[in-house]
């Protein structure tokens, strides 16, 4: 760009390069398909563990945590969150890193979660 101080008094400064924009492209939003974070059942974690984990990792209140724990127990799986793929991967990692259930001696580790496209 030219320095305004060096321009003649009646000259107008213009950029050296022009940026072309497409109005249709600018107005479109980027679409990220949603993913489900699905908690899988096992016999090595208690309802209390699941409820506390869901509250700490997802902010679910006690009642919602209980409902999800019951669904996992009775149906073998429950959707605990639907979000973008990147956020779903983070939440899956947090579930896997949460650790064993201290109330069950045979429990060797965290629960398992999988991701599935929501559509």
PDB file of N, CA and C in Angstrom:
ATOM      1  N   UNK A   1       0.852  -1.167   0.000  1.00  0.00           N
ATOM      2  CA  UNK A   1       0.000   0.000   0.000  1.00  0.00           C
ATOM      3  C   UNK A   1       0.898   1.230   0.000  1.00  0.00           C
ATOM      4  N   UNK A   2       0.430   2.231  -0.650  1.00  0.00           N
ATOM      5  CA  UNK A   2       1.196   3.468  -0.743  1.00  0.00           C
ATOM      6  C   UNK A   2       1.055   4.261   0.551  1.00  0.00           C
ATOM      7  N   UNK A   3       2.086   4.913   0.917  1.00  0.00           N
ATOM      8  CA  UNK A   3       2.084   5.741   2.110  1.00  0.00           C
ATOM      9  C   UNK A   3       1.309   7.023   1.820  1.00  0.00           C
ATOM     10  N   UNK A   4       0.262   7.328   2.590  1.00  0.00           N
ATOM     11  CA  UNK A   4      -0.560   8.512   2.332  1.00  0.00           C
ATOM     12  C   UNK A   4       0.245   9.805   2.359  1.00  0.00           C
ATOM     13  N   UNK A   5       1.291   9.865   3.124  1.00  0.00           N
ATOM     14  CA  UNK A   5       2.074  11.098   3.220  1.00  0.00           C
ATOM     15  C   UNK A   5       2.790  11.405   1.912  1.00  0.00           C
ATOM     16  N   UNK A   6       3.050  10.398   1.071  1.00  0.00           N
ATOM     17  CA  UNK A   6       3.785  10.593  -0.163  1.00  0.00           C
ATOM     18  C   UNK A   6       2.868  10.805  -1.367  1.00  0.00           C
ATOM     19  N   UNK A   7       1.566  10.729  -1.184  1.00  0.00           N
ATOM     20  CA  UNK A   7       0.623  10.912  -2.281  1.00  0.00           C
ATOM     21  C   UNK A   7       0.394  12.399  -2.536  1.00  0.00           C
ATOM     22  N   UNK A   8       0.131  12.742  -3.789  1.00  0.00           N
ATOM     23  CA  UNK A   8      -0.250  14.132  -4.075  1.00  0.00           C
ATOM     24  C   UNK A   8      -1.537  14.465  -3.338  1.00  0.00           C
ATOM     25  N   UNK A   9      -1.821  15.725  -3.133  1.00  0.00           N
ATOM     26  CA  UNK A   9      -2.954  16.140  -2.321  1.00  0.00           C
ATOM     27  C   UNK A   9      -4.293  15.675  -2.865  1.00  0.00           C
ATOM     28  N   UNK A  10      -4.492  15.577  -4.139  1.00  0.00           N
ATOM     29  CA  UNK A  10      -5.784  15.177  -4.687  1.00  0.00           C
ATOM     30  C   UNK A  10      -5.840  13.677  -5.024  1.00  0.00           C
ATOM     31  N   UNK A  11      -4.810  12.902  -4.717  1.00  0.00           N
ATOM     32  CA  UNK A  11      -4.780  11.466  -5.011  1.00  0.00           C
ATOM     33  C   UNK A  11      -5.529  10.689  -3.924  1.00  0.00           C
ATOM     34  N   UNK A  12      -6.046   9.522  -4.307  1.00  0.00           N
ATOM     35  CA  UNK A  12      -6.752   8.653  -3.369  1.00  0.00           C
ATOM     36  C   UNK A  12      -5.983   7.354  -3.260  1.00  0.00           C
ATOM     37  N   UNK A  13      -5.719   6.917  -2.048  1.00  0.00           N
ATOM     38  CA  UNK A  13      -5.000   5.653  -1.828  1.00  0.00           C
ATOM     39  C   UNK A  13      -5.935   4.489  -2.113  1.00  0.00           C
ATOM     40  N   UNK A  14      -5.438   3.496  -2.864  1.00  0.00           N
ATOM     41  CA  UNK A  14      -6.204   2.284  -3.134  1.00  0.00           C
ATOM     42  C   UNK A  14      -5.320   1.094  -2.829  1.00  0.00           C
ATOM     43  N   UNK A  15      -5.917  -0.010  -2.430  1.00  0.00           N
ATOM     44  CA  UNK A  15      -5.109  -1.197  -2.154  1.00  0.00           C
ATOM     45  C   UNK A  15      -4.463  -1.711  -3.431  1.00  0.00           C
ATOM     46  N   UNK A  16      -3.293  -2.336  -3.282  1.00  0.00           N
ATOM     47  CA  UNK A  16      -2.578  -2.885  -4.422  1.00  0.00           C
ATOM     48  C   UNK A  16      -3.258  -4.138  -4.976  1.00  0.00           C
ATOM     49  N   UNK A  17      -3.956  -4.866  -4.120  1.00  0.00           N
ATOM     50  CA  UNK A  17      -4.638  -6.080  -4.570  1.00  0.00           C
ATOM     51  C   UNK A  17      -6.111  -5.969  -4.240  1.00  0.00           C
ATOM     52  N   UNK A  18      -6.919  -6.581  -5.081  1.00  0.00           N
ATOM     53  CA  UNK A  18      -8.350  -6.582  -4.843  1.00  0.00           C
ATOM     54  C   UNK A  18      -8.767  -7.962  -4.375  1.00  0.00           C
ATOM     55  N   UNK A  19      -9.654  -8.013  -3.421  1.00  0.00           N
ATOM     56  CA  UNK A  19     -10.167  -9.274  -2.902  1.00  0.00           C
ATOM     57  C   UNK A  19     -11.562  -9.458  -3.459  1.00  0.00           C
ATOM     58  N   UNK A  20     -11.744 -10.590  -4.160  1.00  0.00           N
ATOM     59  CA  UNK A  20     -13.056 -10.874  -4.716  1.00  0.00           C
ATOM     60  C   UNK A  20     -13.837 -11.694  -3.705  1.00  0.00           C
ATOM     61  N   UNK A  21     -15.073 -11.332  -3.486  1.00  0.00           N
ATOM     62  CA  UNK A  21     -15.925 -12.093  -2.588  1.00  0.00           C
ATOM     63  C   UNK A  21     -17.169 -12.508  -3.331  1.00  0.00           C
ATOM     64  N   UNK A  22     -17.622 -13.669  -3.022  1.00  0.00           N
ATOM     65  CA  UNK A  22     -18.839 -14.201  -3.597  1.00  0.00           C
ATOM     66  C   UNK A  22     -19.903 -14.103  -2.518  1.00  0.00           C
ATOM     67  N   UNK A  23     -20.931 -13.322  -2.741  1.00  0.00           N
ATOM     68  CA  UNK A  23     -21.970 -13.102  -1.742  1.00  0.00           C
ATOM     69  C   UNK A  23     -22.640 -14.407  -1.333  1.00  0.00           C
ATOM     70  N   UNK A  24     -22.830 -15.315  -2.277  1.00  0.00           N
ATOM     71  CA  UNK A  24     -23.460 -16.600  -1.953  1.00  0.00           C
ATOM     72  C   UNK A  24     -22.582 -17.423  -1.028  1.00  0.00           C
ATOM     73  N   UNK A  25     -21.280 -17.412  -1.244  1.00  0.00           N
ATOM     74  CA  UNK A  25     -20.361 -18.170  -0.400  1.00  0.00           C
ATOM     75  C   UNK A  25     -20.305 -17.573   0.996  1.00  0.00           C
ATOM     76  N   UNK A  26     -20.257 -16.259   1.096  1.00  0.00           N
ATOM     77  CA  UNK A  26     -20.158 -15.602   2.385  1.00  0.00           C
ATOM     78  C   UNK A  26     -21.395 -15.814   3.247  1.00  0.00           C
ATOM     79  N   UNK A  27     -22.562 -15.924   2.619  1.00  0.00           N
ATOM     80  CA  UNK A  27     -23.790 -16.045   3.392  1.00  0.00           C
ATOM     81  C   UNK A  27     -24.069 -17.478   3.847  1.00  0.00           C
ATOM     82  N   UNK A  28     -23.417 -18.464   3.252  1.00  0.00           N
ATOM     83  CA  UNK A  28     -23.636 -19.852   3.657  1.00  0.00           C
ATOM     84  C   UNK A  28     -22.875 -20.156   4.937  1.00  0.00           C
ATOM     85  N   UNK A  29     -23.507 -20.922   5.820  1.00  0.00           N
ATOM     86  CA  UNK A  29     -22.855 -21.352   7.039  1.00  0.00           C
ATOM     87  C   UNK A  29     -22.179 -22.693   6.800  1.00  0.00           C
ATOM     88  N   UNK A  30     -21.086 -22.905   7.481  1.00  0.00           N
ATOM     89  CA  UNK A  30     -20.421 -24.204   7.415  1.00  0.00           C
ATOM     90  C   UNK A  30     -21.235 -25.185   8.244  1.00  0.00           C
ATOM     91  N   UNK A  31     -21.582 -26.329   7.659  1.00  0.00           N
ATOM     92  CA  UNK A  31     -22.404 -27.330   8.315  1.00  0.00           C
ATOM     93  C   UNK A  31     -21.523 -28.445   8.842  1.00  0.00           C
ATOM     94  N   UNK A  32     -21.620 -28.712  10.131  1.00  0.00           N
ATOM     95  CA  UNK A  32     -20.915 -29.838  10.728  1.00  0.00           C
ATOM     96  C   UNK A  32     -21.951 -30.867  11.158  1.00  0.00           C
ATOM     97  N   UNK A  33     -21.906 -32.059  10.594  1.00  0.00           N
ATOM     98  CA  UNK A  33     -22.917 -33.057  10.952  1.00  0.00           C
ATOM     99  C   UNK A  33     -22.789 -33.458  12.422  1.00  0.00           C
ATOM    100  N   UNK A  34     -23.917 -33.661  13.100  1.00  0.00           N
ATOM    101  CA  UNK A  34     -23.881 -34.010  14.517  1.00  0.00           C
ATOM    102  C   UNK A  34     -23.503 -35.476  14.750  1.00  0.00           C
ATOM    103  N   UNK A  35     -22.904 -35.709  15.906  1.00  0.00           N
ATOM    104  CA  UNK A  35     -22.529 -37.060  16.335  1.00  0.00           C
ATOM    105  C   UNK A  35     -23.087 -37.322  17.720  1.00  0.00           C
ATOM    106  N   UNK A  36     -23.474 -38.583  17.953  1.00  0.00           N
ATOM    107  CA  UNK A  36     -23.915 -39.025  19.271  1.00  0.00           C
ATOM    108  C   UNK A  36     -22.712 -39.570  20.035  1.00  0.00           C
ATOM    109  N   UNK A  37     -22.639 -39.230  21.323  1.00  0.00           N
ATOM    110  CA  UNK A  37     -21.727 -39.892  22.249  1.00  0.00           C
ATOM    111  C   UNK A  37     -22.595 -40.924  22.957  1.00  0.00           C
ATOM    112  N   UNK A  38     -22.254 -42.200  22.788  1.00  0.00           N
ATOM    113  CA  UNK A  38     -23.077 -43.287  23.308  1.00  0.00           C
ATOM    114  C   UNK A  38     -22.308 -44.044  24.379  1.00  0.00           C
ATOM    115  N   UNK A  39     -22.873 -44.087  25.580  1.00  0.00           N
ATOM    116  CA  UNK A  39     -22.287 -44.806  26.704  1.00  0.00           C
ATOM    117  C   UNK A  39     -22.755 -46.249  26.644  1.00  0.00           C
ATOM    118  N   UNK A  40     -21.803 -47.186  26.751  1.00  0.00           N
ATOM    119  CA  UNK A  40     -22.122 -48.611  26.665  1.00  0.00           C
ATOM    120  C   UNK A  40     -22.166 -49.244  28.048  1.00  0.00           C
ATOM    121  N   UNK A  41     -23.038 -50.214  28.213  1.00  0.00           N
ATOM    122  CA  UNK A  41     -23.209 -50.889  29.492  1.00  0.00           C
ATOM    123  C   UNK A  41     -22.085 -51.890  29.764  1.00  0.00           C
ATOM    124  N   UNK A  42     -21.816 -52.081  31.027  1.00  0.00           N
ATOM    125  CA  UNK A  42     -20.975 -53.169  31.507  1.00  0.00           C
ATOM    126  C   UNK A  42     -21.424 -53.486  32.926  1.00  0.00           C
ATOM    127  N   UNK A  43     -20.904 -54.526  33.494  1.00  0.00           N
ATOM    128  CA  UNK A  43     -21.316 -54.923  34.848  1.00  0.00           C
ATOM    129  C   UNK A  43     -20.320 -54.466  35.906  1.00  0.00           C
ATOM    130  N   UNK A  44     -19.383 -53.596  35.535  1.00  0.00           N
ATOM    131  CA  UNK A  44     -18.339 -53.172  36.461  1.00  0.00           C
ATOM    132  C   UNK A  44     -18.474 -51.732  36.939  1.00  0.00           C
ATOM    133  N   UNK A  45     -19.617 -51.114  36.706  1.00  0.00           N
ATOM    134  CA  UNK A  45     -19.821 -49.733  37.142  1.00  0.00           C
ATOM    135  C   UNK A  45     -21.216 -49.592  37.742  1.00  0.00           C
ATOM    136  N   UNK A  46     -21.304 -48.874  38.844  1.00  0.00           N
ATOM    137  CA  UNK A  46     -22.568 -48.689  39.555  1.00  0.00           C
ATOM    138  C   UNK A  46     -23.349 -47.502  39.001  1.00  0.00           C
ATOM    139  N   UNK A  47     -24.617 -47.448  39.369  1.00  0.00           N
ATOM    140  CA  UNK A  47     -25.450 -46.303  39.002  1.00  0.00           C
ATOM    141  C   UNK A  47     -24.833 -45.017  39.558  1.00  0.00           C
ATOM    142  N   UNK A  48     -24.349 -45.070  40.786  1.00  0.00           N
ATOM    143  CA  UNK A  48     -23.765 -43.874  41.410  1.00  0.00           C
ATOM    144  C   UNK A  48     -22.581 -43.380  40.588  1.00  0.00           C
ATOM    145  N   UNK A  49     -21.715 -44.294  40.145  1.00  0.00           N
ATOM    146  CA  UNK A  49     -20.565 -43.932  39.315  1.00  0.00           C
ATOM    147  C   UNK A  49     -21.036 -43.224  38.046  1.00  0.00           C
ATOM    148  N   UNK A  50     -22.015 -43.804  37.363  1.00  0.00           N
ATOM    149  CA  UNK A  50     -22.510 -43.238  36.105  1.00  0.00           C
ATOM    150  C   UNK A  50     -23.132 -41.863  36.347  1.00  0.00           C
ATOM    151  N   UNK A  51     -23.941 -41.739  37.375  1.00  0.00           N
ATOM    152  CA  UNK A  51     -24.603 -40.469  37.677  1.00  0.00           C
ATOM    153  C   UNK A  51     -23.572 -39.378  37.965  1.00  0.00           C
ATOM    154  N   UNK A  52     -22.585 -39.686  38.791  1.00  0.00           N
ATOM    155  CA  UNK A  52     -21.553 -38.704  39.142  1.00  0.00           C
ATOM    156  C   UNK A  52     -20.713 -38.343  37.918  1.00  0.00           C
ATOM    157  N   UNK A  53     -20.336 -39.345  37.118  1.00  0.00           N
ATOM    158  CA  UNK A  53     -19.538 -39.092  35.916  1.00  0.00           C
ATOM    159  C   UNK A  53     -20.299 -38.182  34.948  1.00  0.00           C
ATOM    160  N   UNK A  54     -21.578 -38.475  34.723  1.00  0.00           N
ATOM    161  CA  UNK A  54     -22.371 -37.668  33.793  1.00  0.00           C
ATOM    162  C   UNK A  54     -22.556 -36.240  34.300  1.00  0.00           C
ATOM    163  N   UNK A  55     -22.642 -36.084  35.607  1.00  0.00           N
ATOM    164  CA  UNK A  55     -22.751 -34.735  36.173  1.00  0.00           C
ATOM    165  C   UNK A  55     -21.443 -33.977  35.989  1.00  0.00           C
ATOM    166  N   UNK A  56     -20.313 -34.621  36.286  1.00  0.00           N
ATOM    167  CA  UNK A  56     -19.012 -33.953  36.193  1.00  0.00           C
ATOM    168  C   UNK A  56     -18.591 -33.670  34.754  1.00  0.00           C
ATOM    169  N   UNK A  57     -18.818 -34.615  33.853  1.00  0.00           N
ATOM    170  CA  UNK A  57     -18.347 -34.448  32.476  1.00  0.00           C
ATOM    171  C   UNK A  57     -19.326 -33.715  31.562  1.00  0.00           C
ATOM    172  N   UNK A  58     -20.620 -33.865  31.824  1.00  0.00           N
ATOM    173  CA  UNK A  58     -21.620 -33.316  30.913  1.00  0.00           C
ATOM    174  C   UNK A  58     -22.529 -32.275  31.560  1.00  0.00           C
ATOM    175  N   UNK A  59     -22.462 -32.149  32.873  1.00  0.00           N
ATOM    176  CA  UNK A  59     -23.316 -31.200  33.565  1.00  0.00           C
ATOM    177  C   UNK A  59     -24.752 -31.670  33.721  1.00  0.00           C
ATOM    178  N   UNK A  60     -24.997 -32.975  33.515  1.00  0.00           N
ATOM    179  CA  UNK A  60     -26.360 -33.488  33.670  1.00  0.00           C
ATOM    180  C   UNK A  60     -26.749 -33.477  35.145  1.00  0.00           C
ATOM    181  N   UNK A  61     -27.942 -33.004  35.460  1.00  0.00           N
ATOM    182  CA  UNK A  61     -28.400 -33.061  36.855  1.00  0.00           C
ATOM    183  C   UNK A  61     -28.603 -34.516  37.293  1.00  0.00           C
ATOM    184  N   UNK A  62     -28.725 -34.719  38.594  1.00  0.00           N
ATOM    185  CA  UNK A  62     -28.843 -36.066  39.169  1.00  0.00           C
ATOM    186  C   UNK A  62     -29.959 -36.877  38.500  1.00  0.00           C
ATOM    187  N   UNK A  63     -31.122 -36.268  38.309  1.00  0.00           N
ATOM    188  CA  UNK A  63     -32.274 -36.983  37.744  1.00  0.00           C
ATOM    189  C   UNK A  63     -31.987 -37.462  36.319  1.00  0.00           C
ATOM    190  N   UNK A  64     -31.374 -36.601  35.513  1.00  0.00           N
ATOM    191  CA  UNK A  64     -31.034 -36.968  34.128  1.00  0.00           C
ATOM    192  C   UNK A  64     -29.969 -38.065  34.140  1.00  0.00           C
ATOM    193  N   UNK A  65     -28.990 -37.944  35.043  1.00  0.00           N
ATOM    194  CA  UNK A  65     -27.960 -38.975  35.174  1.00  0.00           C
ATOM    195  C   UNK A  65     -28.555 -40.323  35.535  1.00  0.00           C
ATOM    196  N   UNK A  66     -29.527 -40.311  36.442  1.00  0.00           N
ATOM    197  CA  UNK A  66     -30.189 -41.557  36.819  1.00  0.00           C
ATOM    198  C   UNK A  66     -30.935 -42.155  35.634  1.00  0.00           C
ATOM    199  N   UNK A  67     -31.670 -41.317  34.894  1.00  0.00           N
ATOM    200  CA  UNK A  67     -32.412 -41.805  33.722  1.00  0.00           C
ATOM    201  C   UNK A  67     -31.462 -42.433  32.702  1.00  0.00           C
ATOM    202  N   UNK A  68     -30.320 -41.773  32.461  1.00  0.00           N
ATOM    203  CA  UNK A  68     -29.349 -42.306  31.490  1.00  0.00           C
ATOM    204  C   UNK A  68     -28.704 -43.587  32.011  1.00  0.00           C
ATOM    205  N   UNK A  69     -28.391 -43.645  33.299  1.00  0.00           N
ATOM    206  CA  UNK A  69     -27.812 -44.859  33.889  1.00  0.00           C
ATOM    207  C   UNK A  69     -28.786 -46.026  33.746  1.00  0.00           C
ATOM    208  N   UNK A  70     -30.064 -45.768  33.985  1.00  0.00           N
ATOM    209  CA  UNK A  70     -31.091 -46.805  33.853  1.00  0.00           C
ATOM    210  C   UNK A  70     -31.203 -47.270  32.402  1.00  0.00           C
ATOM    211  N   UNK A  71     -31.148 -46.326  31.455  1.00  0.00           N
ATOM    212  CA  UNK A  71     -31.208 -46.681  30.034  1.00  0.00           C
ATOM    213  C   UNK A  71     -30.006 -47.532  29.637  1.00  0.00           C
ATOM    214  N   UNK A  72     -28.829 -47.152  30.089  1.00  0.00           N
ATOM    215  CA  UNK A  72     -27.623 -47.946  29.801  1.00  0.00           C
ATOM    216  C   UNK A  72     -27.790 -49.353  30.355  1.00  0.00           C
ATOM    217  N   UNK A  73     -28.291 -49.455  31.581  1.00  0.00           N
ATOM    218  CA  UNK A  73     -28.455 -50.756  32.239  1.00  0.00           C
ATOM    219  C   UNK A  73     -29.492 -51.629  31.546  1.00  0.00           C
ATOM    220  N   UNK A  74     -30.605 -51.037  31.149  1.00  0.00           N
ATOM    221  CA  UNK A  74     -31.690 -51.842  30.578  1.00  0.00           C
ATOM    222  C   UNK A  74     -31.565 -52.068  29.067  1.00  0.00           C
ATOM    223  N   UNK A  75     -31.010 -51.077  28.355  1.00  0.00           N
ATOM    224  CA  UNK A  75     -30.931 -51.187  26.896  1.00  0.00           C
ATOM    225  C   UNK A  75     -29.521 -51.470  26.381  1.00  0.00           C
ATOM    226  N   UNK A  76     -28.546 -51.391  27.270  1.00  0.00           N
ATOM    227  CA  UNK A  76     -27.168 -51.681  26.871  1.00  0.00           C
ATOM    228  C   UNK A  76     -26.397 -50.475  26.361  1.00  0.00           C
ATOM    229  N   UNK A  77     -27.083 -49.364  26.156  1.00  0.00           N
ATOM    230  CA  UNK A  77     -26.450 -48.153  25.640  1.00  0.00           C
ATOM    231  C   UNK A  77     -27.383 -46.963  25.815  1.00  0.00           C
ATOM    232  N   UNK A  78     -26.785 -45.779  25.870  1.00  0.00           N
ATOM    233  CA  UNK A  78     -27.590 -44.561  25.972  1.00  0.00           C
ATOM    234  C   UNK A  78     -26.829 -43.406  25.336  1.00  0.00           C
ATOM    235  N   UNK A  79     -27.557 -42.576  24.615  1.00  0.00           N
ATOM    236  CA  UNK A  79     -26.973 -41.360  24.043  1.00  0.00           C
ATOM    237  C   UNK A  79     -26.873 -40.340  25.175  1.00  0.00           C
ATOM    238  N   UNK A  80     -25.642 -39.918  25.479  1.00  0.00           N
ATOM    239  CA  UNK A  80     -25.449 -38.958  26.564  1.00  0.00           C
ATOM    240  C   UNK A  80     -25.227 -37.540  26.056  1.00  0.00           C
ATOM    241  N   UNK A  81     -24.929 -37.395  24.760  1.00  0.00           N
ATOM    242  CA  UNK A  81     -24.720 -36.074  24.174  1.00  0.00           C
ATOM    243  C   UNK A  81     -24.755 -36.180  22.658  1.00  0.00           C
ATOM    244  N   UNK A  82     -25.287 -35.159  22.008  1.00  0.00           N
ATOM    245  CA  UNK A  82     -25.222 -35.031  20.552  1.00  0.00           C
ATOM    246  C   UNK A  82     -24.598 -33.675  20.276  1.00  0.00           C
ATOM    247  N   UNK A  83     -23.504 -33.698  19.499  1.00  0.00           N
ATOM    248  CA  UNK A  83     -22.723 -32.480  19.292  1.00  0.00           C
ATOM    249  C   UNK A  83     -21.882 -32.621  18.027  1.00  0.00           C
ATOM    250  N   UNK A  84     -20.970 -31.685  17.803  1.00  0.00           N
ATOM    251  CA  UNK A  84     -20.056 -31.788  16.662  1.00  0.00           C
ATOM    252  C   UNK A  84     -19.093 -32.949  16.872  1.00  0.00           C
ATOM    253  N   UNK A  85     -18.496 -33.418  15.802  1.00  0.00           N
ATOM    254  CA  UNK A  85     -17.583 -34.562  15.902  1.00  0.00           C
ATOM    255  C   UNK A  85     -16.406 -34.258  16.825  1.00  0.00           C
ATOM    256  N   UNK A  86     -15.833 -33.083  16.685  1.00  0.00           N
ATOM    257  CA  UNK A  86     -14.671 -32.726  17.510  1.00  0.00           C
ATOM    258  C   UNK A  86     -15.027 -32.710  18.997  1.00  0.00           C
ATOM    259  N   UNK A  87     -16.159 -32.130  19.339  1.00  0.00           N
ATOM    260  CA  UNK A  87     -16.583 -32.089  20.740  1.00  0.00           C
ATOM    261  C   UNK A  87     -16.945 -33.485  21.228  1.00  0.00           C
ATOM    262  N   UNK A  88     -17.576 -34.289  20.382  1.00  0.00           N
ATOM    263  CA  UNK A  88     -17.928 -35.665  20.742  1.00  0.00           C
ATOM    264  C   UNK A  88     -16.673 -36.483  21.032  1.00  0.00           C
ATOM    265  N   UNK A  89     -15.635 -36.298  20.228  1.00  0.00           N
ATOM    266  CA  UNK A  89     -14.378 -37.016  20.458  1.00  0.00           C
ATOM    267  C   UNK A  89     -13.761 -36.624  21.800  1.00  0.00           C
ATOM    268  N   UNK A  90     -13.829 -35.349  22.137  1.00  0.00           N
ATOM    269  CA  UNK A  90     -13.321 -34.888  23.433  1.00  0.00           C
ATOM    270  C   UNK A  90     -14.085 -35.548  24.572  1.00  0.00           C
ATOM    271  N   UNK A  91     -15.406 -35.574  24.483  1.00  0.00           N
ATOM    272  CA  UNK A  91     -16.221 -36.172  25.545  1.00  0.00           C
ATOM    273  C   UNK A  91     -15.989 -37.678  25.648  1.00  0.00           C
ATOM    274  N   UNK A  92     -15.804 -38.342  24.529  1.00  0.00           N
ATOM    275  CA  UNK A  92     -15.495 -39.771  24.535  1.00  0.00           C
ATOM    276  C   UNK A  92     -14.173 -40.015  25.269  1.00  0.00           C
ATOM    277  N   UNK A  93     -13.170 -39.210  24.975  1.00  0.00           N
ATOM    278  CA  UNK A  93     -11.876 -39.334  25.650  1.00  0.00           C
ATOM    279  C   UNK A  93     -12.008 -39.098  27.149  1.00  0.00           C
ATOM    280  N   UNK A  94     -12.841 -38.132  27.531  1.00  0.00           N
ATOM    281  CA  UNK A  94     -13.039 -37.858  28.959  1.00  0.00           C
ATOM    282  C   UNK A  94     -13.702 -39.038  29.665  1.00  0.00           C
ATOM    283  N   UNK A  95     -14.665 -39.676  29.010  1.00  0.00           N
ATOM    284  CA  UNK A  95     -15.294 -40.873  29.590  1.00  0.00           C
ATOM    285  C   UNK A  95     -14.247 -41.963  29.758  1.00  0.00           C
ATOM    286  N   UNK A  96     -13.444 -42.193  28.733  1.00  0.00           N
ATOM    287  CA  UNK A  96     -12.429 -43.252  28.788  1.00  0.00           C
ATOM    288  C   UNK A  96     -11.342 -42.976  29.820  1.00  0.00           C
ATOM    289  N   UNK A  97     -11.136 -41.713  30.166  1.00  0.00           N
ATOM    290  CA  UNK A  97     -10.105 -41.334  31.141  1.00  0.00           C
ATOM    291  C   UNK A  97     -10.668 -41.164  32.551  1.00  0.00           C
ATOM    292  N   UNK A  98     -11.948 -41.358  32.732  1.00  0.00           N
ATOM    293  CA  UNK A  98     -12.581 -41.055  34.023  1.00  0.00           C
ATOM    294  C   UNK A  98     -12.089 -41.971  35.151  1.00  0.00           C
ATOM    295  N   UNK A  99     -11.716 -43.179  34.829  1.00  0.00           N
ATOM    296  CA  UNK A  99     -11.166 -44.078  35.847  1.00  0.00           C
ATOM    297  C   UNK A  99     -12.162 -45.111  36.331  1.00  0.00           C
ATOM    298  N   UNK A 100     -11.678 -46.034  37.135  1.00  0.00           N
ATOM    299  CA  UNK A 100     -12.521 -47.131  37.620  1.00  0.00           C
ATOM    300  C   UNK A 100     -13.519 -46.683  38.683  1.00  0.00           C
ATOM    301  N   UNK A 101     -14.519 -47.522  38.894  1.00  0.00           N
ATOM    302  CA  UNK A 101     -15.530 -47.288  39.929  1.00  0.00           C
ATOM    303  C   UNK A 101     -14.938 -47.738  41.268  1.00  0.00           C
ATOM    304  N   UNK A 102     -14.726 -46.806  42.199  1.00  0.00           N
ATOM    305  CA  UNK A 102     -14.096 -47.181  43.464  1.00  0.00           C
ATOM    306  C   UNK A 102     -14.976 -48.050  44.361  1.00  0.00           C
ATOM    307  N   UNK A 103     -16.272 -48.146  44.065  1.00  0.00           N
ATOM    308  CA  UNK A 103     -17.165 -48.950  44.901  1.00  0.00           C
ATOM    309  C   UNK A 103     -17.244 -50.413  44.463  1.00  0.00           C
ATOM    310  N   UNK A 104     -16.630 -50.735  43.329  1.00  0.00           N
ATOM    311  CA  UNK A 104     -16.660 -52.109  42.819  1.00  0.00           C
ATOM    312  C   UNK A 104     -15.216 -52.599  42.689  1.00  0.00           C
ATOM    313  N   UNK A 105     -14.790 -53.506  43.579  1.00  0.00           N
ATOM    314  CA  UNK A 105     -13.386 -53.944  43.590  1.00  0.00           C
ATOM    315  C   UNK A 105     -12.880 -54.544  42.269  1.00  0.00           C
ATOM    316  N   UNK A 106     -13.735 -55.258  41.539  1.00  0.00           N
ATOM    317  CA  UNK A 106     -13.286 -55.896  40.291  1.00  0.00           C
ATOM    318  C   UNK A 106     -13.151 -54.907  39.133  1.00  0.00           C
ATOM    319  N   UNK A 107     -13.651 -53.688  39.317  1.00  0.00           N
ATOM    320  CA  UNK A 107     -13.632 -52.682  38.255  1.00  0.00           C
ATOM    321  C   UNK A 107     -12.192 -52.290  37.954  1.00  0.00           C
ATOM    322  N   UNK A 108     -11.800 -52.476  36.690  1.00  0.00           N
ATOM    323  CA  UNK A 108     -10.410 -52.223  36.292  1.00  0.00           C
ATOM    324  C   UNK A 108     -10.215 -50.914  35.539  1.00  0.00           C
ATOM    325  N   UNK A 109     -11.290 -50.270  35.128  1.00  0.00           N
ATOM    326  CA  UNK A 109     -11.111 -49.046  34.355  1.00  0.00           C
ATOM    327  C   UNK A 109     -12.410 -48.322  34.102  1.00  0.00           C
ATOM    328  N   UNK A 110     -12.333 -47.376  33.214  1.00  0.00           N
ATOM    329  CA  UNK A 110     -13.474 -46.518  32.881  1.00  0.00           C
ATOM    330  C   UNK A 110     -14.512 -47.255  32.055  1.00  0.00           C
ATOM    331  N   UNK A 111     -15.636 -46.616  31.877  1.00  0.00           N
ATOM    332  CA  UNK A 111     -16.666 -47.138  30.989  1.00  0.00           C
ATOM    333  C   UNK A 111     -16.249 -46.899  29.543  1.00  0.00           C
ATOM    334  N   UNK A 112     -16.987 -47.477  28.632  1.00  0.00           N
ATOM    335  CA  UNK A 112     -16.710 -47.345  27.207  1.00  0.00           C
ATOM    336  C   UNK A 112     -17.790 -46.492  26.562  1.00  0.00           C
ATOM    337  N   UNK A 113     -17.343 -45.631  25.650  1.00  0.00           N
ATOM    338  CA  UNK A 113     -18.271 -44.822  24.866  1.00  0.00           C
ATOM    339  C   UNK A 113     -17.859 -44.922  23.398  1.00  0.00           C
ATOM    340  N   UNK A 114     -18.855 -44.890  22.541  1.00  0.00           N
ATOM    341  CA  UNK A 114     -18.600 -44.898  21.095  1.00  0.00           C
ATOM    342  C   UNK A 114     -19.271 -43.689  20.479  1.00  0.00           C
ATOM    343  N   UNK A 115     -18.831 -43.352  19.274  1.00  0.00           N
ATOM    344  CA  UNK A 115     -19.425 -42.248  18.536  1.00  0.00           C
ATOM    345  C   UNK A 115     -20.149 -42.791  17.318  1.00  0.00           C
ATOM    346  N   UNK A 116     -21.299 -42.209  17.022  1.00  0.00           N
ATOM    347  CA  UNK A 116     -22.064 -42.575  15.831  1.00  0.00           C
ATOM    348  C   UNK A 116     -22.636 -41.306  15.215  1.00  0.00           C
ATOM    349  N   UNK A 117     -22.663 -41.235  13.890  1.00  0.00           N
ATOM    350  CA  UNK A 117     -23.321 -40.083  13.252  1.00  0.00           C
ATOM    351  C   UNK A 117     -24.773 -40.003  13.693  1.00  0.00           C
ATOM    352  N   UNK A 118     -25.242 -38.804  13.941  1.00  0.00           N
ATOM    353  CA  UNK A 118     -26.617 -38.619  14.415  1.00  0.00           C
ATOM    354  C   UNK A 118     -27.620 -38.670  13.270  1.00  0.00           C
ATOM    355  N   UNK A 119     -27.169 -38.586  12.040  1.00  0.00           N
ATOM    356  CA  UNK A 119     -28.092 -38.569  10.902  1.00  0.00           C
ATOM    357  C   UNK A 119     -28.152 -39.901  10.216  1.00  0.00           C
TER     358      UNK A 119
END
